[in-house]
Structure formats: C-alpha cells, structure tokens
Amino acid sequence: QVQIVESGGGLVQAGGSLTLSCTASGTNFTRNAMDWFRQAPGNQRELVATMAADGRTIFPDSVKGRFTLSRDNVQNTVYLQMNRLKPNNTGTYYCRAPLPSRNWGQGTQVTVSS
C-alpha cells in the first residue's frame, strides 16, 4: 500500500523560507514523476512543482526561481525548498505519489504572513 507523508509546514514571514518533505512508502520516486500541489481555502489544488523520475524538475512561472526540489533516494524523500515566500503561497501543500497509485498525503500547512 502506498503511503505519502508530508511535513515541514509552518508560519513564516514574507520573504522567508521553508522546506517541506514528502516521504513515500510502497512506491519509489525514482520510477515515475511526483508532484507538489498547493490548496488555498476555497480553491482547487494547483500544481507547484514536479520532479521526474530522472530528477528533472518543472515549476510554474509563479514559483520558478524561488522553489527548488531535491531528492534523497535512500530515504525515498523529496524536499520542496521554498524561498522568498509570499503571502499568496499560503495554503495546504500536498504531495502526490507517482504512477500508478497517485495517492495523496494528508498535507502540511504553510502560512506566510505579510
């Protein structure tokens, strides 16, 4: 059974940084792409980062240059480093497992104060 656990959220001032972690069991991040999403209250989940199986990363323009991804293959963990955070980065951040499961974690809350 595939399980995803996110951690690392918190409260940070605008301009600050946070690093989120996504750890998987029952699947492997080196086999297929995984994604990070953000969901603000009342909104749909939106994609904020993708890491391919080979380690290539893709970011939307809204976070490009501020967010980075890294991976620990031994720990089967992907890290989302978020720099120069803005209030509109506030939301619950979810990690989505690679194919075929595409399971979601429980999310971790990020609040950026102005």
PDB file of N, CA and C in Angstrom:
ATOM      1  N   GLN A   1       0.842  -1.184   0.000  1.00  0.00           N
ATOM      2  CA  GLN A   1       0.000   0.000   0.000  1.00  0.00           C
ATOM      3  C   GLN A   1       0.886   1.246   0.000  1.00  0.00           C
ATOM      4  N   VAL A   2       0.526   2.174  -0.861  1.00  0.00           N
ATOM      5  CA  VAL A   2       1.311   3.392  -0.992  1.00  0.00           C
ATOM      6  C   VAL A   2       0.853   4.402   0.056  1.00  0.00           C
ATOM      7  N   GLN A   3       1.823   4.919   0.788  1.00  0.00           N
ATOM      8  CA  GLN A   3       1.537   5.967   1.762  1.00  0.00           C
ATOM      9  C   GLN A   3       2.477   7.136   1.539  1.00  0.00           C
ATOM     10  N   ILE A   4       1.908   8.309   1.673  1.00  0.00           N
ATOM     11  CA  ILE A   4       2.656   9.559   1.485  1.00  0.00           C
ATOM     12  C   ILE A   4       2.524  10.388   2.760  1.00  0.00           C
ATOM     13  N   VAL A   5       3.641  10.891   3.240  1.00  0.00           N
ATOM     14  CA  VAL A   5       3.624  11.727   4.433  1.00  0.00           C
ATOM     15  C   VAL A   5       4.390  13.012   4.150  1.00  0.00           C
ATOM     16  N   GLU A   6       3.692  14.148   4.327  1.00  0.00           N
ATOM     17  CA  GLU A   6       4.321  15.457   4.176  1.00  0.00           C
ATOM     18  C   GLU A   6       4.624  16.020   5.556  1.00  0.00           C
ATOM     19  N   SER A   7       5.644  16.851   5.606  1.00  0.00           N
ATOM     20  CA  SER A   7       5.973  17.548   6.843  1.00  0.00           C
ATOM     21  C   SER A   7       6.754  18.804   6.510  1.00  0.00           C
ATOM     22  N   GLY A   8       6.920  19.648   7.525  1.00  0.00           N
ATOM     23  CA  GLY A   8       7.755  20.823   7.364  1.00  0.00           C
ATOM     24  C   GLY A   8       7.022  22.137   7.263  1.00  0.00           C
ATOM     25  N   GLY A   9       5.704  22.100   7.243  1.00  0.00           N
ATOM     26  CA  GLY A   9       4.959  23.343   7.150  1.00  0.00           C
ATOM     27  C   GLY A   9       5.091  24.177   8.407  1.00  0.00           C
ATOM     28  N   GLY A  10       4.585  25.397   8.320  1.00  0.00           N
ATOM     29  CA  GLY A  10       4.634  26.284   9.470  1.00  0.00           C
ATOM     30  C   GLY A  10       4.272  27.693   9.097  1.00  0.00           C
ATOM     31  N   LEU A  11       4.537  28.589  10.033  1.00  0.00           N
ATOM     32  CA  LEU A  11       4.266  30.009   9.844  1.00  0.00           C
ATOM     33  C   LEU A  11       5.581  30.725   9.583  1.00  0.00           C
ATOM     34  N   VAL A  12       5.593  31.518   8.539  1.00  0.00           N
ATOM     35  CA  VAL A  12       6.810  32.240   8.174  1.00  0.00           C
ATOM     36  C   VAL A  12       6.432  33.612   7.670  1.00  0.00           C
ATOM     37  N   GLN A  13       7.316  34.561   7.864  1.00  0.00           N
ATOM     38  CA  GLN A  13       7.072  35.905   7.346  1.00  0.00           C
ATOM     39  C   GLN A  13       7.379  35.967   5.853  1.00  0.00           C
ATOM     40  N   ALA A  14       6.736  36.881   5.203  1.00  0.00           N
ATOM     41  CA  ALA A  14       7.009  37.084   3.777  1.00  0.00           C
ATOM     42  C   ALA A  14       8.504  37.334   3.587  1.00  0.00           C
ATOM     43  N   GLY A  15       9.034  36.703   2.546  1.00  0.00           N
ATOM     44  CA  GLY A  15      10.462  36.788   2.289  1.00  0.00           C
ATOM     45  C   GLY A  15      11.270  35.671   2.910  1.00  0.00           C
ATOM     46  N   GLY A  16      10.642  34.917   3.775  1.00  0.00           N
ATOM     47  CA  GLY A  16      11.311  33.818   4.452  1.00  0.00           C
ATOM     48  C   GLY A  16      11.316  32.546   3.641  1.00  0.00           C
ATOM     49  N   SER A  17      11.799  31.483   4.273  1.00  0.00           N
ATOM     50  CA  SER A  17      11.960  30.199   3.596  1.00  0.00           C
ATOM     51  C   SER A  17      11.407  29.068   4.445  1.00  0.00           C
ATOM     52  N   LEU A  18      10.994  28.030   3.762  1.00  0.00           N
ATOM     53  CA  LEU A  18      10.583  26.782   4.398  1.00  0.00           C
ATOM     54  C   LEU A  18      10.994  25.635   3.501  1.00  0.00           C
ATOM     55  N   THR A  19      11.229  24.492   4.123  1.00  0.00           N
ATOM     56  CA  THR A  19      11.495  23.277   3.369  1.00  0.00           C
ATOM     57  C   THR A  19      10.477  22.223   3.761  1.00  0.00           C
ATOM     58  N   LEU A  20       9.741  21.755   2.788  1.00  0.00           N
ATOM     59  CA  LEU A  20       8.761  20.697   3.007  1.00  0.00           C
ATOM     60  C   LEU A  20       9.363  19.357   2.596  1.00  0.00           C
ATOM     61  N   SER A  21       8.934  18.317   3.273  1.00  0.00           N
ATOM     62  CA  SER A  21       9.388  16.964   2.959  1.00  0.00           C
ATOM     63  C   SER A  21       8.213  16.090   2.559  1.00  0.00           C
ATOM     64  N   CYS A  22       8.470  15.205   1.640  1.00  0.00           N
ATOM     65  CA  CYS A  22       7.477  14.224   1.209  1.00  0.00           C
ATOM     66  C   CYS A  22       8.160  12.861   1.211  1.00  0.00           C
ATOM     67  N   THR A  23       7.723  12.007   2.104  1.00  0.00           N
ATOM     68  CA  THR A  23       8.307  10.666   2.219  1.00  0.00           C
ATOM     69  C   THR A  23       7.280   9.628   1.803  1.00  0.00           C
ATOM     70  N   ALA A  24       7.725   8.696   0.980  1.00  0.00           N
ATOM     71  CA  ALA A  24       6.819   7.683   0.449  1.00  0.00           C
ATOM     72  C   ALA A  24       7.212   6.293   0.925  1.00  0.00           C
ATOM     73  N   SER A  25       6.204   5.477   1.098  1.00  0.00           N
ATOM     74  CA  SER A  25       6.409   4.048   1.309  1.00  0.00           C
ATOM     75  C   SER A  25       5.496   3.310   0.357  1.00  0.00           C
ATOM     76  N   GLY A  26       5.959   2.156  -0.105  1.00  0.00           N
ATOM     77  CA  GLY A  26       5.168   1.380  -1.048  1.00  0.00           C
ATOM     78  C   GLY A  26       5.296   1.838  -2.488  1.00  0.00           C
ATOM     79  N   THR A  27       6.108   2.831  -2.723  1.00  0.00           N
ATOM     80  CA  THR A  27       6.394   3.307  -4.069  1.00  0.00           C
ATOM     81  C   THR A  27       7.787   3.904  -4.057  1.00  0.00           C
ATOM     82  N   ASN A  28       8.255   4.305  -5.217  1.00  0.00           N
ATOM     83  CA  ASN A  28       9.617   4.816  -5.310  1.00  0.00           C
ATOM     84  C   ASN A  28       9.647   6.014  -6.237  1.00  0.00           C
ATOM     85  N   PHE A  29      10.218   7.105  -5.757  1.00  0.00           N
ATOM     86  CA  PHE A  29      10.250   8.332  -6.539  1.00  0.00           C
ATOM     87  C   PHE A  29      11.173   8.249  -7.745  1.00  0.00           C
ATOM     88  N   THR A  30      11.991   7.237  -7.820  1.00  0.00           N
ATOM     89  CA  THR A  30      12.875   7.119  -8.970  1.00  0.00           C
ATOM     90  C   THR A  30      12.221   6.377 -10.139  1.00  0.00           C
ATOM     91  N   ARG A  31      10.998   5.940  -9.962  1.00  0.00           N
ATOM     92  CA  ARG A  31      10.319   5.176 -11.015  1.00  0.00           C
ATOM     93  C   ARG A  31       9.402   6.029 -11.872  1.00  0.00           C
ATOM     94  N   ASN A  32       8.739   6.986 -11.266  1.00  0.00           N
ATOM     95  CA  ASN A  32       7.828   7.861 -12.007  1.00  0.00           C
ATOM     96  C   ASN A  32       7.806   9.234 -11.347  1.00  0.00           C
ATOM     97  N   ALA A  33       7.254  10.183 -12.044  1.00  0.00           N
ATOM     98  CA  ALA A  33       7.223  11.555 -11.546  1.00  0.00           C
ATOM     99  C   ALA A  33       6.312  11.699 -10.335  1.00  0.00           C
ATOM    100  N   MET A  34       6.654  12.658  -9.489  1.00  0.00           N
ATOM    101  CA  MET A  34       5.816  13.021  -8.360  1.00  0.00           C
ATOM    102  C   MET A  34       5.551  14.520  -8.416  1.00  0.00           C
ATOM    103  N   ASP A  35       4.555  14.960  -7.658  1.00  0.00           N
ATOM    104  CA  ASP A  35       4.158  16.362  -7.724  1.00  0.00           C
ATOM    105  C   ASP A  35       3.874  16.924  -6.337  1.00  0.00           C
ATOM    106  N   TRP A  36       4.048  18.245  -6.244  1.00  0.00           N
ATOM    107  CA  TRP A  36       3.574  19.006  -5.096  1.00  0.00           C
ATOM    108  C   TRP A  36       2.453  19.922  -5.569  1.00  0.00           C
ATOM    109  N   PHE A  37       1.416  20.006  -4.752  1.00  0.00           N
ATOM    110  CA  PHE A  37       0.294  20.892  -5.031  1.00  0.00           C
ATOM    111  C   PHE A  37       0.070  21.795  -3.823  1.00  0.00           C
ATOM    112  N   ARG A  38      -0.560  22.918  -4.088  1.00  0.00           N
ATOM    113  CA  ARG A  38      -0.981  23.830  -3.022  1.00  0.00           C
ATOM    114  C   ARG A  38      -2.475  24.049  -3.140  1.00  0.00           C
ATOM    115  N   GLN A  39      -3.130  24.061  -1.998  1.00  0.00           N
ATOM    116  CA  GLN A  39      -4.560  24.349  -1.986  1.00  0.00           C
ATOM    117  C   GLN A  39      -4.850  25.430  -0.957  1.00  0.00           C
ATOM    118  N   ALA A  40      -5.333  26.549  -1.448  1.00  0.00           N
ATOM    119  CA  ALA A  40      -5.763  27.630  -0.567  1.00  0.00           C
ATOM    120  C   ALA A  40      -7.242  27.430  -0.239  1.00  0.00           C
ATOM    121  N   PRO A  41      -7.695  27.945   0.892  1.00  0.00           N
ATOM    122  CA  PRO A  41      -9.099  27.761   1.277  1.00  0.00           C
ATOM    123  C   PRO A  41     -10.054  28.220   0.184  1.00  0.00           C
ATOM    124  N   GLY A  42     -10.987  27.355  -0.160  1.00  0.00           N
ATOM    125  CA  GLY A  42     -11.987  27.685  -1.161  1.00  0.00           C
ATOM    126  C   GLY A  42     -11.523  27.525  -2.595  1.00  0.00           C
ATOM    127  N   ASN A  43     -10.276  27.118  -2.768  1.00  0.00           N
ATOM    128  CA  ASN A  43      -9.734  26.979  -4.130  1.00  0.00           C
ATOM    129  C   ASN A  43      -9.396  25.521  -4.441  1.00  0.00           C
ATOM    130  N   GLN A  44      -9.222  25.271  -5.717  1.00  0.00           N
ATOM    131  CA  GLN A  44      -8.779  23.942  -6.131  1.00  0.00           C
ATOM    132  C   GLN A  44      -7.280  23.804  -5.892  1.00  0.00           C
ATOM    133  N   ARG A  45      -6.838  22.587  -5.872  1.00  0.00           N
ATOM    134  CA  ARG A  45      -5.402  22.335  -5.755  1.00  0.00           C
ATOM    135  C   ARG A  45      -4.724  22.768  -7.038  1.00  0.00           C
ATOM    136  N   GLU A  46      -3.600  23.426  -6.868  1.00  0.00           N
ATOM    137  CA  GLU A  46      -2.836  23.848  -8.031  1.00  0.00           C
ATOM    138  C   GLU A  46      -1.422  23.289  -7.938  1.00  0.00           C
ATOM    139  N   LEU A  47      -0.906  22.948  -9.090  1.00  0.00           N
ATOM    140  CA  LEU A  47       0.413  22.340  -9.165  1.00  0.00           C
ATOM    141  C   LEU A  47       1.488  23.394  -8.901  1.00  0.00           C
ATOM    142  N   VAL A  48       2.437  23.044  -8.037  1.00  0.00           N
ATOM    143  CA  VAL A  48       3.542  23.974  -7.764  1.00  0.00           C
ATOM    144  C   VAL A  48       4.905  23.397  -8.111  1.00  0.00           C
ATOM    145  N   ALA A  49       5.009  22.088  -8.289  1.00  0.00           N
ATOM    146  CA  ALA A  49       6.311  21.513  -8.614  1.00  0.00           C
ATOM    147  C   ALA A  49       6.143  20.067  -9.043  1.00  0.00           C
ATOM    148  N   THR A  50       6.995  19.661  -9.979  1.00  0.00           N
ATOM    149  CA  THR A  50       7.032  18.279 -10.430  1.00  0.00           C
ATOM    150  C   THR A  50       8.478  17.834 -10.517  1.00  0.00           C
ATOM    151  N   MET A  51       8.735  16.620 -10.038  1.00  0.00           N
ATOM    152  CA  MET A  51      10.053  16.017 -10.228  1.00  0.00           C
ATOM    153  C   MET A  51       9.881  14.716 -10.992  1.00  0.00           C
ATOM    154  N   ALA A  52      10.561  14.637 -12.127  1.00  0.00           N
ATOM    155  CA  ALA A  52      10.519  13.423 -12.930  1.00  0.00           C
ATOM    156  C   ALA A  52      11.365  12.339 -12.282  1.00  0.00           C
ATOM    157  N   ALA A  53      11.193  11.132 -12.798  1.00  0.00           N
ATOM    158  CA  ALA A  53      11.933  10.002 -12.247  1.00  0.00           C
ATOM    159  C   ALA A  53      13.438  10.212 -12.357  1.00  0.00           C
ATOM    160  N   ASP A  54      13.861  10.884 -13.423  1.00  0.00           N
ATOM    161  CA  ASP A  54      15.297  11.103 -13.623  1.00  0.00           C
ATOM    162  C   ASP A  54      15.820  12.325 -12.881  1.00  0.00           C
ATOM    163  N   GLY A  55      14.945  12.967 -12.109  1.00  0.00           N
ATOM    164  CA  GLY A  55      15.362  14.100 -11.295  1.00  0.00           C
ATOM    165  C   GLY A  55      15.121  15.465 -11.913  1.00  0.00           C
ATOM    166  N   ARG A  56      14.705  15.497 -13.160  1.00  0.00           N
ATOM    167  CA  ARG A  56      14.381  16.793 -13.769  1.00  0.00           C
ATOM    168  C   ARG A  56      13.204  17.415 -13.025  1.00  0.00           C
ATOM    169  N   THR A  57      13.210  18.750 -12.958  1.00  0.00           N
ATOM    170  CA  THR A  57      12.162  19.451 -12.215  1.00  0.00           C
ATOM    171  C   THR A  57      11.453  20.450 -13.118  1.00  0.00           C
ATOM    172  N   ILE A  58      10.200  20.655 -12.805  1.00  0.00           N
ATOM    173  CA  ILE A  58       9.360  21.585 -13.564  1.00  0.00           C
ATOM    174  C   ILE A  58       8.582  22.422 -12.560  1.00  0.00           C
ATOM    175  N   PHE A  59       8.561  23.733 -12.823  1.00  0.00           N
ATOM    176  CA  PHE A  59       7.845  24.654 -11.939  1.00  0.00           C
ATOM    177  C   PHE A  59       7.000  25.602 -12.772  1.00  0.00           C
ATOM    178  N   PRO A  60       5.850  25.992 -12.273  1.00  0.00           N
ATOM    179  CA  PRO A  60       5.093  27.042 -12.961  1.00  0.00           C
ATOM    180  C   PRO A  60       5.803  28.369 -12.773  1.00  0.00           C
ATOM    181  N   ASP A  61       5.469  29.315 -13.613  1.00  0.00           N
ATOM    182  CA  ASP A  61       6.128  30.623 -13.568  1.00  0.00           C
ATOM    183  C   ASP A  61       5.966  31.306 -12.214  1.00  0.00           C
ATOM    184  N   SER A  62       4.865  31.024 -11.528  1.00  0.00           N
ATOM    185  CA  SER A  62       4.580  31.707 -10.275  1.00  0.00           C
ATOM    186  C   SER A  62       5.608  31.405  -9.188  1.00  0.00           C
ATOM    187  N   VAL A  63       6.292  30.276  -9.277  1.00  0.00           N
ATOM    188  CA  VAL A  63       7.261  29.919  -8.247  1.00  0.00           C
ATOM    189  C   VAL A  63       8.660  29.693  -8.814  1.00  0.00           C
ATOM    190  N   LYS A  64       8.794  29.725 -10.118  1.00  0.00           N
ATOM    191  CA  LYS A  64      10.085  29.469 -10.753  1.00  0.00           C
ATOM    192  C   LYS A  64      11.118  30.459 -10.247  1.00  0.00           C
ATOM    193  N   GLY A  65      12.282  29.955  -9.905  1.00  0.00           N
ATOM    194  CA  GLY A  65      13.342  30.810  -9.376  1.00  0.00           C
ATOM    195  C   GLY A  65      13.292  30.964  -7.866  1.00  0.00           C
ATOM    196  N   ARG A  66      12.187  30.578  -7.247  1.00  0.00           N
ATOM    197  CA  ARG A  66      12.062  30.672  -5.787  1.00  0.00           C
ATOM    198  C   ARG A  66      11.959  29.292  -5.134  1.00  0.00           C
ATOM    199  N   PHE A  67      11.362  28.351  -5.831  1.00  0.00           N
ATOM    200  CA  PHE A  67      11.186  26.997  -5.296  1.00  0.00           C
ATOM    201  C   PHE A  67      12.149  26.047  -5.993  1.00  0.00           C
ATOM    202  N   THR A  68      12.684  25.118  -5.244  1.00  0.00           N
ATOM    203  CA  THR A  68      13.523  24.075  -5.813  1.00  0.00           C
ATOM    204  C   THR A  68      13.131  22.723  -5.213  1.00  0.00           C
ATOM    205  N   LEU A  69      13.471  21.678  -5.933  1.00  0.00           N
ATOM    206  CA  LEU A  69      13.216  20.317  -5.480  1.00  0.00           C
ATOM    207  C   LEU A  69      14.527  19.553  -5.382  1.00  0.00           C
ATOM    208  N   SER A  70      14.607  18.684  -4.392  1.00  0.00           N
ATOM    209  CA  SER A  70      15.731  17.764  -4.299  1.00  0.00           C
ATOM    210  C   SER A  70      15.190  16.429  -3.797  1.00  0.00           C
ATOM    211  N   ARG A  71      16.010  15.416  -3.941  1.00  0.00           N
ATOM    212  CA  ARG A  71      15.527  14.069  -3.614  1.00  0.00           C
ATOM    213  C   ARG A  71      16.619  13.283  -2.911  1.00  0.00           C
ATOM    214  N   ASP A  72      16.201  12.544  -1.907  1.00  0.00           N
ATOM    215  CA  ASP A  72      17.069  11.596  -1.212  1.00  0.00           C
ATOM    216  C   ASP A  72      16.573  10.199  -1.569  1.00  0.00           C
ATOM    217  N   ASN A  73      17.300   9.520  -2.434  1.00  0.00           N
ATOM    218  CA  ASN A  73      16.830   8.222  -2.919  1.00  0.00           C
ATOM    219  C   ASN A  73      16.898   7.145  -1.837  1.00  0.00           C
ATOM    220  N   VAL A  74      17.788   7.312  -0.897  1.00  0.00           N
ATOM    221  CA  VAL A  74      17.891   6.320   0.176  1.00  0.00           C
ATOM    222  C   VAL A  74      16.681   6.431   1.110  1.00  0.00           C
ATOM    223  N   GLN A  75      16.337   7.671   1.453  1.00  0.00           N
ATOM    224  CA  GLN A  75      15.191   7.900   2.338  1.00  0.00           C
ATOM    225  C   GLN A  75      13.866   7.917   1.577  1.00  0.00           C
ATOM    226  N   ASN A  76      13.939   7.845   0.233  1.00  0.00           N
ATOM    227  CA  ASN A  76      12.731   7.941  -0.610  1.00  0.00           C
ATOM    228  C   ASN A  76      11.919   9.173  -0.229  1.00  0.00           C
ATOM    229  N   THR A  77      12.617  10.285  -0.189  1.00  0.00           N
ATOM    230  CA  THR A  77      12.027  11.549   0.236  1.00  0.00           C
ATOM    231  C   THR A  77      12.350  12.630  -0.782  1.00  0.00           C
ATOM    232  N   VAL A  78      11.361  13.457  -1.072  1.00  0.00           N
ATOM    233  CA  VAL A  78      11.547  14.613  -1.927  1.00  0.00           C
ATOM    234  C   VAL A  78      11.340  15.859  -1.080  1.00  0.00           C
ATOM    235  N   TYR A  79      12.224  16.827  -1.263  1.00  0.00           N
ATOM    236  CA  TYR A  79      12.180  18.073  -0.498  1.00  0.00           C
ATOM    237  C   TYR A  79      11.795  19.230  -1.414  1.00  0.00           C
ATOM    238  N   LEU A  80      10.871  20.033  -0.952  1.00  0.00           N
ATOM    239  CA  LEU A  80      10.489  21.249  -1.655  1.00  0.00           C
ATOM    240  C   LEU A  80      11.033  22.432  -0.856  1.00  0.00           C
ATOM    241  N   GLN A  81      12.063  23.061  -1.400  1.00  0.00           N
ATOM    242  CA  GLN A  81      12.657  24.234  -0.763  1.00  0.00           C
ATOM    243  C   GLN A  81      11.953  25.464  -1.316  1.00  0.00           C
ATOM    244  N   MET A  82      11.355  26.229  -0.427  1.00  0.00           N
ATOM    245  CA  MET A  82      10.604  27.417  -0.830  1.00  0.00           C
ATOM    246  C   MET A  82      11.280  28.648  -0.264  1.00  0.00           C
ATOM    247  N   ASN A  83      11.744  29.509  -1.159  1.00  0.00           N
ATOM    248  CA  ASN A  83      12.439  30.735  -0.760  1.00  0.00           C
ATOM    249  C   ASN A  83      11.631  31.949  -1.166  1.00  0.00           C
ATOM    250  N   ARG A  84      11.970  33.061  -0.552  1.00  0.00           N
ATOM    251  CA  ARG A  84      11.294  34.335  -0.847  1.00  0.00           C
ATOM    252  C   ARG A  84       9.782  34.145  -0.894  1.00  0.00           C
ATOM    253  N   LEU A  85       9.271  33.561   0.150  1.00  0.00           N
ATOM    254  CA  LEU A  85       7.850  33.253   0.199  1.00  0.00           C
ATOM    255  C   LEU A  85       6.999  34.512   0.220  1.00  0.00           C
ATOM    256  N   LYS A  86       5.818  34.379  -0.367  1.00  0.00           N
ATOM    257  CA  LYS A  86       4.877  35.479  -0.459  1.00  0.00           C
ATOM    258  C   LYS A  86       3.572  35.067   0.235  1.00  0.00           C
ATOM    259  N   PRO A  87       2.780  36.034   0.670  1.00  0.00           N
ATOM    260  CA  PRO A  87       1.502  35.669   1.307  1.00  0.00           C
ATOM    261  C   PRO A  87       0.632  34.784   0.435  1.00  0.00           C
ATOM    262  N   ASN A  88       0.698  34.954  -0.887  1.00  0.00           N
ATOM    263  CA  ASN A  88      -0.150  34.111  -1.749  1.00  0.00           C
ATOM    264  C   ASN A  88       0.401  32.710  -1.932  1.00  0.00           C
ATOM    265  N   ASN A  89       1.504  32.376  -1.275  1.00  0.00           N
ATOM    266  CA  ASN A  89       1.969  30.989  -1.218  1.00  0.00           C
ATOM    267  C   ASN A  89       1.321  30.231  -0.063  1.00  0.00           C
ATOM    268  N   THR A  90       0.515  30.934   0.712  1.00  0.00           N
ATOM    269  CA  THR A  90      -0.184  30.299   1.837  1.00  0.00           C
ATOM    270  C   THR A  90      -1.133  29.223   1.352  1.00  0.00           C
ATOM    271  N   GLY A  91      -1.199  28.136   2.075  1.00  0.00           N
ATOM    272  CA  GLY A  91      -2.120  27.059   1.749  1.00  0.00           C
ATOM    273  C   GLY A  91      -1.647  25.747   2.333  1.00  0.00           C
ATOM    274  N   THR A  92      -2.405  24.720   2.048  1.00  0.00           N
ATOM    275  CA  THR A  92      -2.008  23.382   2.434  1.00  0.00           C
ATOM    276  C   THR A  92      -1.276  22.750   1.256  1.00  0.00           C
ATOM    277  N   TYR A  93      -0.106  22.247   1.521  1.00  0.00           N
ATOM    278  CA  TYR A  93       0.723  21.660   0.482  1.00  0.00           C
ATOM    279  C   TYR A  93       0.603  20.139   0.543  1.00  0.00           C
ATOM    280  N   TYR A  94       0.313  19.588  -0.625  1.00  0.00           N
ATOM    281  CA  TYR A  94       0.112  18.151  -0.741  1.00  0.00           C
ATOM    282  C   TYR A  94       1.141  17.550  -1.694  1.00  0.00           C
ATOM    283  N   CYS A  95       1.560  16.372  -1.349  1.00  0.00           N
ATOM    284  CA  CYS A  95       2.455  15.601  -2.205  1.00  0.00           C
ATOM    285  C   CYS A  95       1.629  14.492  -2.852  1.00  0.00           C
ATOM    286  N   ARG A  96       1.849  14.284  -4.119  1.00  0.00           N
ATOM    287  CA  ARG A  96       1.128  13.227  -4.834  1.00  0.00           C
ATOM    288  C   ARG A  96       2.115  12.178  -5.298  1.00  0.00           C
ATOM    289  N   ALA A  97       1.790  10.944  -5.016  1.00  0.00           N
ATOM    290  CA  ALA A  97       2.676   9.835  -5.331  1.00  0.00           C
ATOM    291  C   ALA A  97       2.773   9.620  -6.829  1.00  0.00           C
ATOM    292  N   PRO A  98       3.843   8.986  -7.249  1.00  0.00           N
ATOM    293  CA  PRO A  98       3.977   8.660  -8.665  1.00  0.00           C
ATOM    294  C   PRO A  98       2.926   7.659  -9.132  1.00  0.00           C
ATOM    295  N   LEU A  99       2.828   7.536 -10.455  1.00  0.00           N
ATOM    296  CA  LEU A  99       2.028   6.474 -11.026  1.00  0.00           C
ATOM    297  C   LEU A  99       2.533   5.123 -10.539  1.00  0.00           C
ATOM    298  N   PRO A 100       1.697   4.136 -10.417  1.00  0.00           N
ATOM    299  CA  PRO A 100       0.282   4.149 -10.766  1.00  0.00           C
ATOM    300  C   PRO A 100      -0.645   4.606  -9.650  1.00  0.00           C
ATOM    301  N   SER A 101      -0.161   4.747  -8.424  1.00  0.00           N
ATOM    302  CA  SER A 101      -1.111   4.972  -7.345  1.00  0.00           C
ATOM    303  C   SER A 101      -1.681   6.377  -7.332  1.00  0.00           C
ATOM    304  N   ARG A 102      -0.790   7.386  -7.506  1.00  0.00           N
ATOM    305  CA  ARG A 102      -1.210   8.787  -7.409  1.00  0.00           C
ATOM    306  C   ARG A 102      -1.891   9.095  -6.072  1.00  0.00           C
ATOM    307  N   ASN A 103      -1.500   8.387  -5.036  1.00  0.00           N
ATOM    308  CA  ASN A 103      -2.058   8.663  -3.703  1.00  0.00           C
ATOM    309  C   ASN A 103      -1.608  10.029  -3.212  1.00  0.00           C
ATOM    310  N   TRP A 104      -2.437  10.618  -2.352  1.00  0.00           N
ATOM    311  CA  TRP A 104      -2.125  11.904  -1.747  1.00  0.00           C
ATOM    312  C   TRP A 104      -1.726  11.709  -0.284  1.00  0.00           C
ATOM    313  N   GLY A 105      -0.899  12.627   0.182  1.00  0.00           N
ATOM    314  CA  GLY A 105      -0.640  12.686   1.601  1.00  0.00           C
ATOM    315  C   GLY A 105      -1.714  13.494   2.299  1.00  0.00           C
ATOM    316  N   GLN A 106      -1.528  13.692   3.596  1.00  0.00           N
ATOM    317  CA  GLN A 106      -2.524  14.417   4.386  1.00  0.00           C
ATOM    318  C   GLN A 106      -2.343  15.930   4.289  1.00  0.00           C
ATOM    319  N   GLY A 107      -1.217  16.359   3.743  1.00  0.00           N
ATOM    320  CA  GLY A 107      -0.963  17.780   3.578  1.00  0.00           C
ATOM    321  C   GLY A 107      -0.237  18.387   4.758  1.00  0.00           C
ATOM    322  N   THR A 108       0.425  19.498   4.499  1.00  0.00           N
ATOM    323  CA  THR A 108       1.089  20.256   5.555  1.00  0.00           C
ATOM    324  C   THR A 108       0.806  21.738   5.312  1.00  0.00           C
ATOM    325  N   GLN A 109       0.459  22.439   6.366  1.00  0.00           N
ATOM    326  CA  GLN A 109       0.000  23.815   6.251  1.00  0.00           C
ATOM    327  C   GLN A 109       1.179  24.784   6.221  1.00  0.00           C
ATOM    328  N   VAL A 110       1.127  25.677   5.259  1.00  0.00           N
ATOM    329  CA  VAL A 110       2.102  26.759   5.155  1.00  0.00           C
ATOM    330  C   VAL A 110       1.340  28.077   5.226  1.00  0.00           C
ATOM    331  N   THR A 111       1.751  28.924   6.139  1.00  0.00           N
ATOM    332  CA  THR A 111       1.141  30.243   6.276  1.00  0.00           C
ATOM    333  C   THR A 111       2.236  31.286   6.176  1.00  0.00           C
ATOM    334  N   VAL A 112       2.080  32.188   5.208  1.00  0.00           N
ATOM    335  CA  VAL A 112       3.051  33.256   5.007  1.00  0.00           C
ATOM    336  C   VAL A 112       2.387  34.566   5.396  1.00  0.00           C
ATOM    337  N   SER A 113       2.925  35.196   6.413  1.00  0.00           N
ATOM    338  CA  SER A 113       2.343  36.448   6.900  1.00  0.00           C
ATOM    339  C   SER A 113       3.010  37.633   6.208  1.00  0.00           C
ATOM    340  N   SER A 114       2.225  38.678   6.038  1.00  0.00           N
ATOM    341  CA  SER A 114       2.759  39.864   5.356  1.00  0.00           C
ATOM    342  C   SER A 114       3.413  40.815   6.330  1.00  0.00           C
TER     343      SER A 114
END
